[in-house]
């Protein structure tokens, strides 16, 4: 793990409008600047072990990390993905409930935990944004229960790709209408573990989506989504009232 003294100013941050600091005024950003630092992790490195004390909370600037839990018999289950702008750690909790592992090169914008907790009490914009992100995470967890419990293998693969594609796209509808390129950090083995499928099933369903023109493959990891609406139709979700109609 390496630590960078200064990578960017908050105002120039690529996740500025999606992260925990999204609603901050300039004076609030200055306060965050005083307690932040950067950490870089290589693919495969552990960011936090379950049960270990975490002296920081952080936003993912770049890369993808996994949340996983190990059972008493040694079995490991991936329970979540952390993408750019996602938040790691929980104010008021000293330890991590999950193993957090970088599956690609990851850059974190870290805040010392104690000063961050103190800042929450005096900076409503940060507290409000963190609450919104927590509620979004709860919604995502409920959505994932549906994906794992009720969907077919094809729908599971399409749902995972849709989640990542929509995060890669900007919130502007015009951008979403065009092709979206995903540099997929997850291996097919990791996708199988996350979705509760076999490796063979994952490979077969990705090939089927490619053959049907829903996605295009550029090498082993790059996925091109020509029309996200077509991919979303493969998820089995009811599109009424969604962002894209």
Protein backbone atom coordinates (compact mmCIF):
# COMPACT_ATOMS: atom_id res chain seq x y z
CA UNK A 1 0.00 0.00 0.00
CA UNK A 2 1.27 3.47 -0.81
CA UNK A 3 0.06 6.80 0.44
CA UNK A 4 0.01 9.95 -1.66
CA UNK A 5 0.44 13.31 0.03
CA UNK A 6 -1.87 15.16 -2.29
CA UNK A 7 -3.65 13.92 -5.36
CA UNK A 8 -6.25 16.55 -6.07
CA UNK A 9 -8.16 19.40 -4.55
CA UNK A 10 -11.71 18.58 -3.49
CA UNK A 11 -13.14 20.89 -6.15
CA UNK A 12 -11.37 18.92 -8.91
CA UNK A 13 -12.23 15.45 -7.57
CA UNK A 14 -13.77 13.08 -10.17
CA UNK A 15 -16.40 11.91 -7.65
CA UNK A 16 -17.08 15.37 -6.24
CA UNK A 17 -20.78 15.42 -7.14
CA UNK A 18 -21.56 11.84 -6.06
CA UNK A 19 -19.53 11.31 -2.90
CA UNK A 20 -20.21 12.12 0.74
CA UNK A 21 -19.04 15.69 0.11
CA UNK A 22 -21.45 16.29 -2.80
CA UNK A 23 -23.50 18.97 -1.02
CA UNK A 24 -20.65 20.74 0.75
CA UNK A 25 -20.16 24.47 0.51
CA UNK A 26 -16.59 25.77 -0.07
CA UNK A 27 -16.04 26.41 3.64
CA UNK A 28 -17.13 22.83 4.41
CA UNK A 29 -14.77 21.45 1.77
CA UNK A 30 -11.96 23.33 3.45
CA UNK A 31 -12.74 21.54 6.71
CA UNK A 32 -12.70 18.18 4.95
CA UNK A 33 -9.37 19.07 3.29
CA UNK A 34 -7.84 19.40 6.76
CA UNK A 35 -8.59 15.81 7.75
CA UNK A 36 -8.25 13.95 4.45
CA UNK A 37 -5.43 11.91 2.98
CA UNK A 38 -5.12 9.42 0.13
CA UNK A 39 -4.34 5.73 0.11
CA UNK A 40 -3.64 3.55 -2.91
CA UNK A 41 -4.09 -0.23 -2.93
CA UNK A 42 -3.04 -2.73 -5.55
CA UNK A 43 -5.42 -5.39 -6.83
CA UNK A 44 -5.63 -8.20 -4.28
CA UNK A 45 -4.62 -6.11 -1.27
CA UNK A 46 -6.79 -6.09 1.84
CA UNK A 47 -8.14 -2.69 2.79
CA UNK A 48 -9.67 -3.86 6.07
CA UNK A 49 -10.15 -7.16 7.88
CA UNK A 50 -13.46 -7.99 9.56
CA UNK A 51 -13.22 -7.23 13.28
CA UNK A 52 -10.14 -5.05 12.96
CA UNK A 53 -10.22 -1.47 14.16
CA UNK A 54 -10.48 1.10 11.39
CA UNK A 55 -8.94 4.47 12.12
CA UNK A 56 -10.47 6.00 9.01
CA UNK A 57 -13.55 6.21 6.81
CA UNK A 58 -13.17 6.74 3.08
CA UNK A 59 -14.68 7.35 -0.32
CA UNK A 60 -13.63 5.21 -3.28
CA UNK A 61 -12.19 7.55 -5.93
CA UNK A 62 -11.12 4.91 -8.43
CA UNK A 63 -11.28 1.14 -8.67
CA UNK A 64 -13.49 -1.60 -7.28
CA UNK A 65 -13.40 -3.37 -3.91
CA UNK A 66 -15.43 -6.23 -2.49
CA UNK A 67 -17.10 -6.76 0.86
CA UNK A 68 -16.95 -10.37 2.00
CA UNK A 69 -17.65 -12.45 5.08
CA UNK A 70 -16.01 -15.70 6.14
CA UNK A 71 -18.06 -18.41 7.85
CA UNK A 72 -16.76 -20.59 10.67
CA UNK A 73 -16.00 -23.47 8.31
CA UNK A 74 -13.84 -21.24 6.13
CA UNK A 75 -16.33 -20.59 3.35
CA UNK A 76 -16.25 -17.02 2.05
CA UNK A 77 -19.21 -15.14 0.60
CA UNK A 78 -18.95 -11.88 -1.28
CA UNK A 79 -21.76 -9.66 0.04
CA UNK A 80 -21.17 -6.37 -1.74
CA UNK A 81 -19.27 -4.30 -4.27
CA UNK A 82 -17.74 -0.91 -3.67
CA UNK A 83 -17.53 1.27 -6.79
CA UNK A 84 -16.35 4.85 -7.30
CA UNK A 85 -17.96 7.31 -4.85
CA UNK A 86 -19.05 4.52 -2.46
CA UNK A 87 -18.28 5.02 1.23
CA UNK A 88 -16.21 2.68 3.38
CA UNK A 89 -16.63 2.55 7.14
CA UNK A 90 -19.34 3.68 9.49
CA UNK A 91 -19.08 6.66 11.85
CA UNK A 92 -19.56 5.50 15.41
CA UNK A 93 -18.32 1.98 14.69
CA UNK A 94 -14.66 1.31 15.39
CA UNK A 95 -14.35 -2.02 13.58
CA UNK A 96 -15.14 -3.26 10.10
CA UNK A 97 -17.95 -5.87 9.92
CA UNK A 98 -16.57 -7.26 6.64
CA UNK A 99 -13.32 -7.98 4.87
CA UNK A 100 -12.74 -5.20 2.34
CA UNK A 101 -10.48 -6.22 -0.55
CA UNK A 102 -9.31 -4.32 -3.62
CA UNK A 103 -10.04 -6.33 -6.77
CA UNK A 104 -8.50 -3.69 -9.01
CA UNK A 105 -6.10 -0.88 -8.21
CA UNK A 106 -8.02 1.32 -5.77
CA UNK A 107 -7.56 4.92 -4.68
CA UNK A 108 -9.31 6.04 -1.50
CA UNK A 109 -9.93 9.52 -0.17
CA UNK A 110 -9.65 8.85 3.57
CA UNK A 111 -10.78 10.86 6.57
CA UNK A 112 -9.52 10.23 10.07
CA UNK A 113 -12.46 8.65 11.85
CA UNK A 114 -12.61 10.71 15.04
CA UNK A 115 -12.34 14.13 13.33
CA UNK A 116 -14.89 12.98 10.73
CA UNK A 117 -17.35 12.00 13.46
CA UNK A 118 -16.89 15.40 15.07
CA UNK A 119 -17.38 17.10 11.72
CA UNK A 120 -20.73 15.34 11.20
CA UNK A 121 -22.14 17.14 14.22
CA UNK A 122 -21.29 20.57 12.81
CA UNK A 123 -21.59 20.05 9.06
CA UNK A 124 -25.21 19.20 8.17
CA UNK A 125 -24.49 18.83 4.44
CA UNK A 126 -22.10 15.94 5.07
CA UNK A 127 -24.46 14.27 7.54
CA UNK A 128 -27.43 14.62 5.17
CA UNK A 129 -25.51 13.20 2.23
CA UNK A 130 -24.21 10.29 4.31
CA UNK A 131 -27.78 9.49 5.38
CA UNK A 132 -28.94 9.52 1.76
CA UNK A 133 -26.08 7.23 0.76
CA UNK A 134 -26.91 4.86 3.61
CA UNK A 135 -30.54 4.67 2.49
CA UNK A 136 -29.41 4.07 -1.10
CA UNK A 137 -27.19 1.25 0.17
CA UNK A 138 -30.18 -0.26 2.00
CA UNK A 139 -32.24 -0.11 -1.20
CA UNK A 140 -29.38 -1.75 -3.10
CA UNK A 141 -29.18 -4.53 -0.50
CA UNK A 142 -32.91 -5.20 -0.87
CA UNK A 143 -32.54 -5.20 -4.64
CA UNK A 144 -29.71 -7.69 -4.35
CA UNK A 145 -31.87 -9.99 -2.23
CA UNK A 146 -34.32 -10.08 -5.15
CA UNK A 147 -31.55 -10.70 -7.67
CA UNK A 148 -30.11 -13.62 -5.72
CA UNK A 149 -33.39 -15.12 -4.62
CA UNK A 150 -35.75 -14.90 -7.57
CA UNK A 151 -33.96 -14.15 -10.82
CA UNK A 152 -32.73 -16.50 -13.51
CA UNK A 153 -29.04 -16.78 -14.32
CA UNK A 154 -29.43 -14.54 -17.38
CA UNK A 155 -31.32 -11.94 -15.34
CA UNK A 156 -28.65 -12.03 -12.62
CA UNK A 157 -25.85 -11.35 -15.11
CA UNK A 158 -27.86 -8.59 -16.80
CA UNK A 159 -28.69 -7.02 -13.43
CA UNK A 160 -25.05 -6.93 -12.33
CA UNK A 161 -23.92 -5.42 -15.63
CA UNK A 162 -26.74 -2.86 -15.46
CA UNK A 163 -25.77 -1.77 -11.96
CA UNK A 164 -22.15 -1.26 -13.02
CA UNK A 165 -23.07 0.37 -16.36
CA UNK A 166 -25.34 2.91 -14.73
CA UNK A 167 -22.59 3.80 -12.28
CA UNK A 168 -20.15 4.24 -15.16
CA UNK A 169 -22.54 6.57 -16.96
CA UNK A 170 -23.18 10.11 -15.87
CA UNK A 171 -26.61 11.07 -14.57
CA UNK A 172 -27.36 12.95 -17.77
CA UNK A 173 -29.94 11.10 -19.88
CA UNK A 174 -28.16 11.93 -23.17
CA UNK A 175 -25.03 10.16 -22.00
CA UNK A 176 -27.04 7.14 -20.92
CA UNK A 177 -28.61 6.92 -24.38
CA UNK A 178 -25.21 6.24 -25.96
CA UNK A 179 -22.89 3.25 -25.60
CA UNK A 180 -21.42 2.67 -22.15
CA UNK A 181 -17.99 1.09 -21.77
CA UNK A 182 -17.34 -0.98 -18.66
CA UNK A 183 -13.82 -1.98 -17.67
CA UNK A 184 -15.02 -4.91 -15.60
CA UNK A 185 -12.79 -5.41 -12.57
CA UNK A 186 -14.58 -8.60 -11.55
CA UNK A 187 -13.29 -11.85 -12.93
CA UNK A 188 -15.89 -14.35 -14.08
CA UNK A 189 -14.99 -16.46 -11.04
CA UNK A 190 -15.77 -13.49 -8.77
CA UNK A 191 -19.02 -12.84 -10.63
CA UNK A 192 -20.01 -16.47 -10.10
CA UNK A 193 -19.25 -16.22 -6.38
CA UNK A 194 -21.16 -12.97 -6.03
CA UNK A 195 -24.20 -14.19 -7.96
CA UNK A 196 -24.35 -17.71 -6.57
CA UNK A 197 -23.72 -19.28 -9.97
CA UNK A 198 -21.12 -21.61 -11.43
CA UNK A 199 -18.29 -20.30 -13.57
CA UNK A 200 -19.63 -22.23 -16.54
CA UNK A 201 -23.06 -20.63 -16.17
CA UNK A 202 -21.60 -17.12 -15.99
CA UNK A 203 -19.52 -17.70 -19.13
CA UNK A 204 -22.46 -19.22 -20.97
CA UNK A 205 -24.83 -16.35 -20.11
CA UNK A 206 -22.29 -13.66 -21.02
CA UNK A 207 -21.78 -15.38 -24.37
CA UNK A 208 -25.56 -15.53 -24.88
CA UNK A 209 -25.93 -11.79 -24.16
CA UNK A 210 -23.10 -11.13 -26.64
CA UNK A 211 -24.63 -13.36 -29.32
CA UNK A 212 -27.98 -11.60 -28.90
CA UNK A 213 -26.33 -8.20 -29.42
CA UNK A 214 -27.13 -7.00 -25.88
CA UNK A 215 -23.44 -6.49 -25.05
CA UNK A 216 -20.14 -6.47 -26.94
CA UNK A 217 -16.86 -7.84 -25.60
CA UNK A 218 -13.49 -6.19 -26.16
CA UNK A 219 -10.94 -8.54 -24.66
CA UNK A 220 -11.49 -10.40 -21.38
CA UNK A 221 -12.61 -7.52 -19.19
CA UNK A 222 -14.03 -4.72 -21.34
CA UNK A 223 -17.78 -4.82 -21.91
CA UNK A 224 -19.55 -2.39 -24.22
CA UNK A 225 -23.27 -1.78 -23.69
CA UNK A 226 -24.62 -0.27 -26.95
CA UNK A 227 -28.06 0.46 -25.52
CA UNK A 228 -28.60 0.20 -21.77
CA UNK A 229 -32.36 0.00 -22.27
CA UNK A 230 -31.95 -3.36 -24.02
CA UNK A 231 -29.74 -4.60 -21.21
CA UNK A 232 -32.24 -3.43 -18.61
CA UNK A 233 -35.01 -5.35 -20.35
CA UNK A 234 -32.98 -8.51 -19.70
CA UNK A 235 -32.96 -7.92 -15.92
CA UNK A 236 -36.58 -8.92 -15.47
CA UNK A 237 -37.30 -5.69 -13.60
CA UNK A 238 -40.44 -3.62 -14.04
CA UNK A 239 -39.21 -0.47 -15.78
CA UNK A 240 -42.28 1.64 -14.88
CA UNK A 241 -41.24 4.70 -12.98
CA UNK A 242 -37.52 4.08 -13.42
CA UNK A 243 -34.87 6.49 -14.61
CA UNK A 244 -34.95 5.07 -18.11
CA UNK A 245 -38.24 4.41 -19.85
